[in-house]
């Protein structure tokens, strides 16, 4: 009897490193774990690919010269076949610095970029042609990245047949951009990154870590400055049972703060109320952060928020309310026509139920002058002068790639940094 020699040979797996750089010191990139959980749901990928995630804390400019070389060394030491970057406005330039170093030190490693900052419009305009990247994922990334990994194993599907992917023959060539990928029907198509163990314990056990949970994708509004809705013509939801199970998982890991990374948590009031009722029933000890659009709240939901906050002294709820401007004409031009009575109604409920508000204003919107800006600031200062401490965040307008705001800005002779 001759033994099969292959029985004694360890199968060589391809290695991919997925890199995230958080937008704040206590955060992490949930998208990379979604990518990993979705890919590992496929038996072929589990058999052929070793996927690991590096979650780096926010890199402050004062620490960049120390932190970036360390991160480069960490990636190089792993000797990956593929490096994937999850790109946002706060990390895209750092990633390009890292990618250039990787090209010199590990020239055979392929580099793929993805995330909100990667826009097909910018790819078409050649704005990433000088970046160190071989491939780029735009739009919803889970299915595109899975099919890309399959291509790297067997050549099937062929690169031109992967929706949502851009690629080029070598780094000196312009990108070939495939057709757009249609969004998923339901978030439940993506296995839970928490319940499948895709999220690393090392990350969840960090001091003061803030957990991220996604209950939905899509938005009720189609604001001209926002890219979030571009590839999503509807809102898709995760099941309530899954949201509760993920929250329980984080609580059991010792996480004390959770941010819900939805554009508008209360996009469906009944859905939002069902989740909060479940949290109350489970008696979770947590501080929670939800984003909501003014007007997407009622007395019952505000009462539930207050009830949850009163379960334990630690419990608290912060509502991120995107005001942006109180000038109705400005908001209409941005396709965000929220009337002042919606603001008043929302903040009256926040005041009545002793909730904390994190309020966002944007400075420099098209058509606004200093008087408009002063009026918005005065309204918010008057409105926030009640009860407890609140947070007012002032943002300088930035035209995100692929948004209608870019065209609006050009018509108004605006220059973006």
Protein backbone atom coordinates (compact mmCIF):
# COMPACT_ATOMS: atom_id res chain seq x y z
CA UNK A 1 0.00 0.00 0.00
CA UNK A 2 1.44 3.33 -1.03
CA UNK A 3 0.39 6.27 1.09
CA UNK A 4 -0.86 9.31 -0.76
CA UNK A 5 2.01 11.82 -0.37
CA UNK A 6 -0.48 14.71 -0.52
CA UNK A 7 -1.83 13.50 2.81
CA UNK A 8 1.38 14.64 4.47
CA UNK A 9 1.67 17.97 2.66
CA UNK A 10 0.07 20.92 4.38
CA UNK A 11 -2.15 22.82 1.98
CA UNK A 12 -0.82 26.29 1.32
CA UNK A 13 -3.44 28.94 1.91
CA UNK A 14 -3.33 32.39 0.43
CA UNK A 15 -3.07 35.08 3.06
CA UNK A 16 -4.99 38.37 3.09
CA UNK A 17 -4.60 41.16 5.64
CA UNK A 18 -7.59 43.49 6.00
CA UNK A 19 -6.49 46.83 7.47
CA UNK A 20 -8.65 49.35 9.30
CA UNK A 21 -7.67 52.66 10.87
CA UNK A 22 -10.43 53.93 13.15
CA UNK A 23 -11.91 57.42 13.04
CA UNK A 24 -11.66 57.83 16.82
CA UNK A 25 -9.48 56.36 19.53
CA UNK A 26 -12.11 54.00 20.97
CA UNK A 27 -13.69 52.84 17.70
CA UNK A 28 -13.01 50.07 15.17
CA UNK A 29 -13.99 49.34 11.57
CA UNK A 30 -17.03 47.05 11.52
CA UNK A 31 -16.99 46.84 7.71
CA UNK A 32 -13.85 44.67 7.66
CA UNK A 33 -15.45 42.10 9.93
CA UNK A 34 -18.57 42.08 7.75
CA UNK A 35 -16.31 41.38 4.77
CA UNK A 36 -14.55 38.57 6.65
CA UNK A 37 -17.76 36.97 7.97
CA UNK A 38 -19.36 37.02 4.53
CA UNK A 39 -16.29 35.55 2.83
CA UNK A 40 -15.82 32.80 5.41
CA UNK A 41 -19.43 31.74 4.93
CA UNK A 42 -18.20 30.24 1.65
CA UNK A 43 -16.49 26.82 2.11
CA UNK A 44 -14.06 27.41 -0.75
CA UNK A 45 -12.81 30.64 0.82
CA UNK A 46 -12.41 29.01 4.24
CA UNK A 47 -10.37 26.28 2.59
CA UNK A 48 -8.17 28.51 0.41
CA UNK A 49 -7.79 31.84 2.20
CA UNK A 50 -6.42 32.89 5.57
CA UNK A 51 -8.14 36.19 6.32
CA UNK A 52 -6.99 38.30 9.26
CA UNK A 53 -7.84 41.83 10.34
CA UNK A 54 -5.59 44.57 11.71
CA UNK A 55 -7.66 47.12 13.63
CA UNK A 56 -5.49 50.15 14.34
CA UNK A 57 -6.68 52.93 16.57
CA UNK A 58 -7.08 56.45 15.21
CA UNK A 59 -3.72 57.86 14.10
CA UNK A 60 -3.27 61.44 15.22
CA UNK A 61 -1.05 63.61 13.02
CA UNK A 62 1.30 64.18 15.96
CA UNK A 63 1.83 60.39 16.17
CA UNK A 64 1.86 59.56 12.47
CA UNK A 65 5.64 59.34 12.15
CA UNK A 66 5.70 56.76 14.95
CA UNK A 67 2.52 54.76 14.31
CA UNK A 68 2.63 54.40 10.51
CA UNK A 69 6.09 52.75 10.30
CA UNK A 70 5.02 50.29 13.01
CA UNK A 71 1.87 49.43 11.08
CA UNK A 72 3.87 48.94 7.88
CA UNK A 73 6.26 46.61 9.70
CA UNK A 74 3.33 44.63 11.12
CA UNK A 75 1.88 44.10 7.64
CA UNK A 76 5.23 43.20 6.08
CA UNK A 77 6.02 40.68 8.84
CA UNK A 78 2.74 38.85 8.05
CA UNK A 79 3.98 38.33 4.46
CA UNK A 80 0.50 38.57 2.90
CA UNK A 81 -0.45 37.79 -0.68
CA UNK A 82 -3.12 40.49 -0.53
CA UNK A 83 -3.64 43.65 1.54
CA UNK A 84 -7.08 45.30 1.69
CA UNK A 85 -7.71 48.84 2.97
CA UNK A 86 -11.06 50.13 4.29
CA UNK A 87 -10.96 53.79 3.33
CA UNK A 88 -12.59 56.83 4.91
CA UNK A 89 -11.74 60.50 4.66
CA UNK A 90 -9.57 60.37 7.80
CA UNK A 91 -7.31 57.54 6.65
CA UNK A 92 -7.06 57.61 2.85
CA UNK A 93 -3.79 59.59 2.74
CA UNK A 94 -2.19 57.38 5.39
CA UNK A 95 -3.18 54.30 3.41
CA UNK A 96 -1.48 55.67 0.32
CA UNK A 97 1.69 56.20 2.34
CA UNK A 98 1.46 52.62 3.61
CA UNK A 99 0.73 51.25 0.12
CA UNK A 100 3.80 52.97 -1.34
CA UNK A 101 5.99 51.43 1.35
CA UNK A 102 4.47 48.00 0.75
CA UNK A 103 5.11 48.27 -2.98
CA UNK A 104 8.81 48.75 -2.27
CA UNK A 105 9.18 46.19 0.50
CA UNK A 106 6.78 43.46 -0.70
CA UNK A 107 6.42 44.09 -4.45
CA UNK A 108 4.52 40.83 -5.08
CA UNK A 109 1.75 41.68 -2.61
CA UNK A 110 -1.46 42.76 -4.34
CA UNK A 111 -3.27 45.79 -2.96
CA UNK A 112 -7.03 46.34 -3.01
CA UNK A 113 -8.87 49.41 -1.69
CA UNK A 114 -12.52 49.81 -0.72
CA UNK A 115 -14.84 51.87 1.48
CA UNK A 116 -16.90 55.06 1.19
CA UNK A 117 -13.98 57.12 -0.11
CA UNK A 118 -13.67 54.89 -3.17
CA UNK A 119 -16.12 56.35 -5.67
CA UNK A 120 -16.69 55.15 -9.23
CA UNK A 121 -16.97 58.81 -10.26
CA UNK A 122 -13.48 59.52 -8.97
CA UNK A 123 -12.17 56.35 -10.58
CA UNK A 124 -13.59 57.47 -13.92
CA UNK A 125 -11.96 60.87 -13.46
CA UNK A 126 -8.59 59.23 -12.83
CA UNK A 127 -8.20 60.66 -9.33
CA UNK A 128 -6.85 57.38 -7.98
CA UNK A 129 -4.58 56.59 -10.93
CA UNK A 130 -1.50 57.71 -9.00
CA UNK A 131 -2.44 55.77 -5.88
CA UNK A 132 -0.70 52.49 -5.11
CA UNK A 133 -3.55 50.07 -5.75
CA UNK A 134 -4.13 47.17 -8.09
CA UNK A 135 -7.86 46.76 -7.48
CA UNK A 136 -10.65 48.85 -6.03
CA UNK A 137 -14.08 47.93 -4.65
CA UNK A 138 -16.78 50.60 -4.83
CA UNK A 139 -20.25 50.38 -3.33
CA UNK A 140 -21.39 47.58 -1.03
CA UNK A 141 -18.34 45.38 -0.65
CA UNK A 142 -19.16 41.94 0.73
CA UNK A 143 -20.17 40.16 -2.48
CA UNK A 144 -17.61 41.96 -4.61
CA UNK A 145 -14.73 41.03 -2.31
CA UNK A 146 -15.91 37.41 -2.10
CA UNK A 147 -16.00 37.08 -5.89
CA UNK A 148 -12.60 38.77 -6.12
CA UNK A 149 -11.11 36.18 -3.73
CA UNK A 150 -12.61 33.40 -5.86
CA UNK A 151 -11.06 34.96 -8.96
CA UNK A 152 -7.66 34.97 -7.31
CA UNK A 153 -7.99 31.23 -6.66
CA UNK A 154 -9.37 29.97 -9.96
CA UNK A 155 -9.87 32.88 -12.33
CA UNK A 156 -13.66 32.48 -11.98
CA UNK A 157 -15.49 34.76 -12.15
CA UNK A 158 -13.29 36.71 -14.52
CA UNK A 159 -12.36 40.18 -13.32
CA UNK A 160 -14.57 41.98 -15.91
CA UNK A 161 -17.55 39.98 -14.63
CA UNK A 162 -17.35 41.13 -11.00
CA UNK A 163 -19.78 44.03 -10.41
CA UNK A 164 -18.49 46.77 -8.14
CA UNK A 165 -14.83 46.11 -8.98
CA UNK A 166 -12.25 48.29 -10.71
CA UNK A 167 -8.88 46.89 -11.80
CA UNK A 168 -5.90 47.59 -14.01
CA UNK A 169 -3.18 45.56 -15.68
CA UNK A 170 -0.36 47.40 -13.92
CA UNK A 171 -0.05 50.42 -11.59
CA UNK A 172 0.80 52.78 -14.46
CA UNK A 173 -2.47 52.09 -16.32
CA UNK A 174 -5.90 53.71 -15.78
CA UNK A 175 -8.60 51.64 -14.11
CA UNK A 176 -11.14 49.50 -15.90
CA UNK A 177 -14.42 50.00 -14.04
CA UNK A 178 -17.04 47.26 -13.97
CA UNK A 179 -20.79 47.75 -13.70
CA UNK A 180 -22.36 48.73 -10.38
CA UNK A 181 -23.39 45.99 -7.95
CA UNK A 182 -27.01 45.87 -6.83
CA UNK A 183 -27.48 46.16 -3.04
CA UNK A 184 -28.46 43.18 -0.92
CA UNK A 185 -32.12 42.45 -0.20
CA UNK A 186 -31.51 42.09 3.54
CA UNK A 187 -28.67 42.63 5.99
CA UNK A 188 -29.28 39.09 7.20
CA UNK A 189 -27.49 37.95 4.02
CA UNK A 190 -24.28 38.93 5.84
CA UNK A 191 -23.56 36.52 8.72
CA UNK A 192 -23.17 38.39 11.99
CA UNK A 193 -19.49 39.29 12.43
CA UNK A 194 -19.99 39.00 16.19
CA UNK A 195 -21.95 35.76 16.42
CA UNK A 196 -19.64 34.00 13.93
CA UNK A 197 -16.54 35.02 15.87
CA UNK A 198 -15.14 37.14 13.05
CA UNK A 199 -14.56 40.07 15.42
CA UNK A 200 -11.32 39.61 17.32
CA UNK A 201 -11.55 39.41 21.11
CA UNK A 202 -8.39 41.50 21.32
CA UNK A 203 -10.35 44.43 19.87
CA UNK A 204 -13.44 43.99 22.05
CA UNK A 205 -11.33 43.70 25.21
CA UNK A 206 -9.54 47.01 24.63
CA UNK A 207 -10.03 49.56 27.39
CA UNK A 208 -13.05 51.83 26.78
CA UNK A 209 -13.75 50.27 23.38
CA UNK A 210 -16.99 51.35 21.71
CA UNK A 211 -18.82 48.54 19.93
CA UNK A 212 -20.44 49.12 16.54
CA UNK A 213 -23.71 47.54 15.47
CA UNK A 214 -25.41 47.97 12.10
CA UNK A 215 -29.19 47.43 12.11
CA UNK A 216 -29.87 48.75 8.61
CA UNK A 217 -28.40 50.12 5.38
CA UNK A 218 -29.86 52.95 3.38
CA UNK A 219 -31.53 56.22 4.32
CA UNK A 220 -34.93 57.94 4.17
CA UNK A 221 -33.36 61.03 2.60
CA UNK A 222 -31.31 61.62 -0.55
CA UNK A 223 -29.20 64.57 0.57
CA UNK A 224 -26.98 65.99 -2.14
CA UNK A 225 -23.90 66.12 0.11
CA UNK A 226 -24.12 62.47 1.17
CA UNK A 227 -22.81 59.40 -0.65
CA UNK A 228 -24.45 56.85 1.63
CA UNK A 229 -27.65 56.51 -0.41
CA UNK A 230 -25.95 56.47 -3.83
CA UNK A 231 -25.92 52.71 -4.34
CA UNK A 232 -28.95 51.94 -2.15
CA UNK A 233 -32.41 52.66 -3.49
CA UNK A 234 -34.09 51.23 -0.39
CA UNK A 235 -33.46 50.56 3.29
CA UNK A 236 -32.61 46.98 4.23
CA UNK A 237 -32.84 45.80 7.83
CA UNK A 238 -31.33 43.21 10.09
CA UNK A 239 -33.71 41.06 12.14
CA UNK A 240 -34.50 42.32 15.64
CA UNK A 241 -33.44 38.97 17.11
CA UNK A 242 -30.01 39.35 15.52
CA UNK A 243 -29.60 42.92 16.81
CA UNK A 244 -30.47 41.79 20.34
CA UNK A 245 -28.16 38.76 20.10
CA UNK A 246 -25.24 40.93 18.87
CA UNK A 247 -25.84 43.41 21.70
CA UNK A 248 -25.90 40.60 24.26
CA UNK A 249 -22.66 39.24 22.79
CA UNK A 250 -20.94 42.60 23.27
CA UNK A 251 -22.30 42.99 26.80
CA UNK A 252 -20.96 39.54 27.69
CA UNK A 253 -17.54 40.63 26.40
CA UNK A 254 -17.60 43.57 28.81
CA UNK A 255 -18.36 46.30 26.25
CA UNK A 256 -20.04 49.26 27.95
CA UNK A 257 -20.64 51.58 25.00
CA UNK A 258 -22.28 50.79 21.66
CA UNK A 259 -22.72 53.07 18.67
CA UNK A 260 -25.37 52.12 16.14
CA UNK A 261 -23.83 52.97 12.78
CA UNK A 262 -27.13 53.56 10.94
CA UNK A 263 -27.92 56.71 8.99
CA UNK A 264 -31.29 56.99 10.75
CA UNK A 265 -31.92 54.42 13.49
CA UNK A 266 -35.60 55.34 13.69
CA UNK A 267 -36.22 55.18 9.93
CA UNK A 268 -38.98 52.71 10.84
CA UNK A 269 -40.43 53.75 14.18
CA UNK A 270 -42.01 50.38 14.96
CA UNK A 271 -38.72 48.60 14.25
CA UNK A 272 -36.79 51.02 16.49
CA UNK A 273 -39.31 50.67 19.32
CA UNK A 274 -39.17 46.87 19.14
CA UNK A 275 -35.39 46.96 19.55
CA UNK A 276 -35.49 49.33 22.54
CA UNK A 277 -38.25 47.31 24.21
CA UNK A 278 -36.06 44.21 23.85
CA UNK A 279 -33.09 46.08 25.37
CA UNK A 280 -35.28 47.07 28.33
CA UNK A 281 -36.51 43.50 28.75
CA UNK A 282 -32.91 42.21 28.67
CA UNK A 283 -31.86 44.89 31.18
CA UNK A 284 -28.66 45.67 29.30
CA UNK A 285 -26.22 47.92 31.16
CA UNK A 286 -24.98 50.16 28.34
CA UNK A 287 -24.48 53.62 27.01
CA UNK A 288 -25.93 53.84 23.50
CA UNK A 289 -25.51 56.24 20.60
CA UNK A 290 -28.09 56.51 17.81
CA UNK A 291 -28.23 58.83 14.81
CA UNK A 292 -31.67 60.07 13.81
CA UNK A 293 -33.11 62.55 11.35
CA UNK A 294 -35.18 65.37 12.92
CA UNK A 295 -38.84 64.35 13.00
CA UNK A 296 -38.16 60.60 13.10
CA UNK A 297 -39.14 60.29 16.75
CA UNK A 298 -42.40 60.31 18.67
CA UNK A 299 -43.54 60.38 22.29
CA UNK A 300 -43.51 56.59 22.62
CA UNK A 301 -39.96 56.14 21.32
CA UNK A 302 -38.66 59.00 23.47
CA UNK A 303 -40.35 57.41 26.50
CA UNK A 304 -38.66 54.08 25.72
CA UNK A 305 -35.29 55.83 25.42
CA UNK A 306 -35.84 57.38 28.86
CA UNK A 307 -36.97 54.08 30.36
CA UNK A 308 -33.83 52.33 29.12
CA UNK A 309 -31.65 55.13 30.50
CA UNK A 310 -33.19 54.71 33.96
CA UNK A 311 -32.48 50.96 34.33
CA UNK A 312 -28.97 51.53 35.74
CA UNK A 313 -27.06 54.67 36.79
CA UNK A 314 -24.54 53.93 34.02
CA UNK A 315 -27.16 53.70 31.28
CA UNK A 316 -27.54 56.66 28.97
CA UNK A 317 -28.65 57.38 25.42
CA UNK A 318 -27.15 60.00 23.14
CA UNK A 319 -29.09 60.99 20.03
CA UNK A 320 -27.06 62.32 17.12
CA UNK A 321 -29.32 64.80 15.37
CA UNK A 322 -28.20 66.03 11.95
CA UNK A 323 -29.47 69.60 11.76
CA UNK A 324 -26.82 70.91 9.29
CA UNK A 325 -28.72 74.22 8.85
CA UNK A 326 -31.99 75.76 10.00
CA UNK A 327 -32.41 77.65 6.73
CA UNK A 328 -35.23 75.89 4.87
CA UNK A 329 -34.18 77.23 1.46
CA UNK A 330 -30.68 75.85 1.96
CA UNK A 331 -32.05 72.49 3.06
CA UNK A 332 -34.39 72.30 0.07
CA UNK A 333 -31.47 72.94 -2.29
CA UNK A 334 -29.69 70.03 -0.61
CA UNK A 335 -32.77 67.80 -0.95
CA UNK A 336 -33.15 67.83 2.82
CA UNK A 337 -36.28 69.93 3.23
CA UNK A 338 -36.83 69.57 6.98
CA UNK A 339 -39.03 72.33 8.39
CA UNK A 340 -38.25 74.12 11.63
CA UNK A 341 -41.24 72.54 13.40
CA UNK A 342 -39.58 69.12 12.96
CA UNK A 343 -36.50 70.43 14.76
CA UNK A 344 -38.61 71.93 17.55
CA UNK A 345 -40.66 68.74 17.96
CA UNK A 346 -37.53 66.59 18.15
CA UNK A 347 -35.73 68.78 20.68
CA UNK A 348 -38.86 69.20 22.80
CA UNK A 349 -38.99 65.41 23.20
CA UNK A 350 -35.25 65.25 23.94
CA UNK A 351 -35.73 67.90 26.64
CA UNK A 352 -38.87 66.31 28.12
CA UNK A 353 -37.26 62.87 28.45
CA UNK A 354 -33.84 64.10 29.65
CA UNK A 355 -31.88 62.67 26.71
CA UNK A 356 -28.50 63.86 25.52
CA UNK A 357 -28.18 65.38 22.06
CA UNK A 358 -25.16 65.50 19.76
CA UNK A 359 -26.08 68.07 17.14
CA UNK A 360 -24.29 68.57 13.82
CA UNK A 361 -24.13 71.80 11.83
CA UNK A 362 -22.32 72.26 8.51
CA UNK A 363 -20.57 75.54 7.79
CA UNK A 364 -20.19 76.62 4.16
CA UNK A 365 -23.28 75.12 2.53
CA UNK A 366 -24.12 76.44 -0.96
CA UNK A 367 -26.20 79.61 -0.86
CA UNK A 368 -25.52 80.39 2.80
CA UNK A 369 -23.87 83.54 4.07
CA UNK A 370 -22.66 84.58 7.50
CA UNK A 371 -26.16 85.66 8.55
CA UNK A 372 -27.59 82.23 7.79
CA UNK A 373 -24.78 80.57 9.74
CA UNK A 374 -25.29 82.89 12.70
CA UNK A 375 -29.04 82.18 12.67
CA UNK A 376 -28.44 78.41 12.80
CA UNK A 377 -25.93 78.80 15.63
CA UNK A 378 -28.23 81.07 17.63
CA UNK A 379 -31.16 78.69 17.17
CA UNK A 380 -29.13 75.76 18.40
CA UNK A 381 -27.64 77.62 21.35
CA UNK A 382 -31.12 78.66 22.45
CA UNK A 383 -32.53 75.18 21.80
CA UNK A 384 -29.74 73.38 23.66
CA UNK A 385 -29.91 75.61 26.72
CA UNK A 386 -31.92 73.15 28.77
CA UNK A 387 -31.49 70.44 31.37
CA UNK A 388 -28.23 68.61 30.88
CA UNK A 389 -25.05 69.02 28.87
CA UNK A 390 -25.24 68.56 25.11
CA UNK A 391 -22.69 68.52 22.31
CA UNK A 392 -22.76 70.89 19.34
CA UNK A 393 -20.43 69.83 16.50
CA UNK A 394 -19.50 72.30 13.78
CA UNK A 395 -18.23 70.79 10.52
CA UNK A 396 -16.71 72.60 7.56
CA UNK A 397 -18.48 71.42 4.41
CA UNK A 398 -16.62 68.83 2.38
CA UNK A 399 -17.70 67.61 -1.03
CA UNK A 400 -17.55 63.83 -0.95
CA UNK A 401 -16.64 62.13 -4.23
CA UNK A 402 -19.61 61.03 -6.26
CA UNK A 403 -22.13 63.36 -4.60
CA UNK A 404 -24.32 65.95 -6.30
CA UNK A 405 -22.72 68.56 -4.06
CA UNK A 406 -19.65 68.47 -6.29
CA UNK A 407 -21.75 69.69 -9.25
CA UNK A 408 -23.65 72.20 -7.09
CA UNK A 409 -20.33 73.58 -5.87
CA UNK A 410 -19.01 73.98 -9.40
CA UNK A 411 -22.15 75.91 -10.41
CA UNK A 412 -21.61 78.20 -7.41
CA UNK A 413 -17.89 78.64 -8.13
CA UNK A 414 -16.99 76.93 -4.85
CA UNK A 415 -13.55 75.47 -4.15
CA UNK A 416 -13.21 72.36 -2.00
CA UNK A 417 -10.14 71.40 0.01
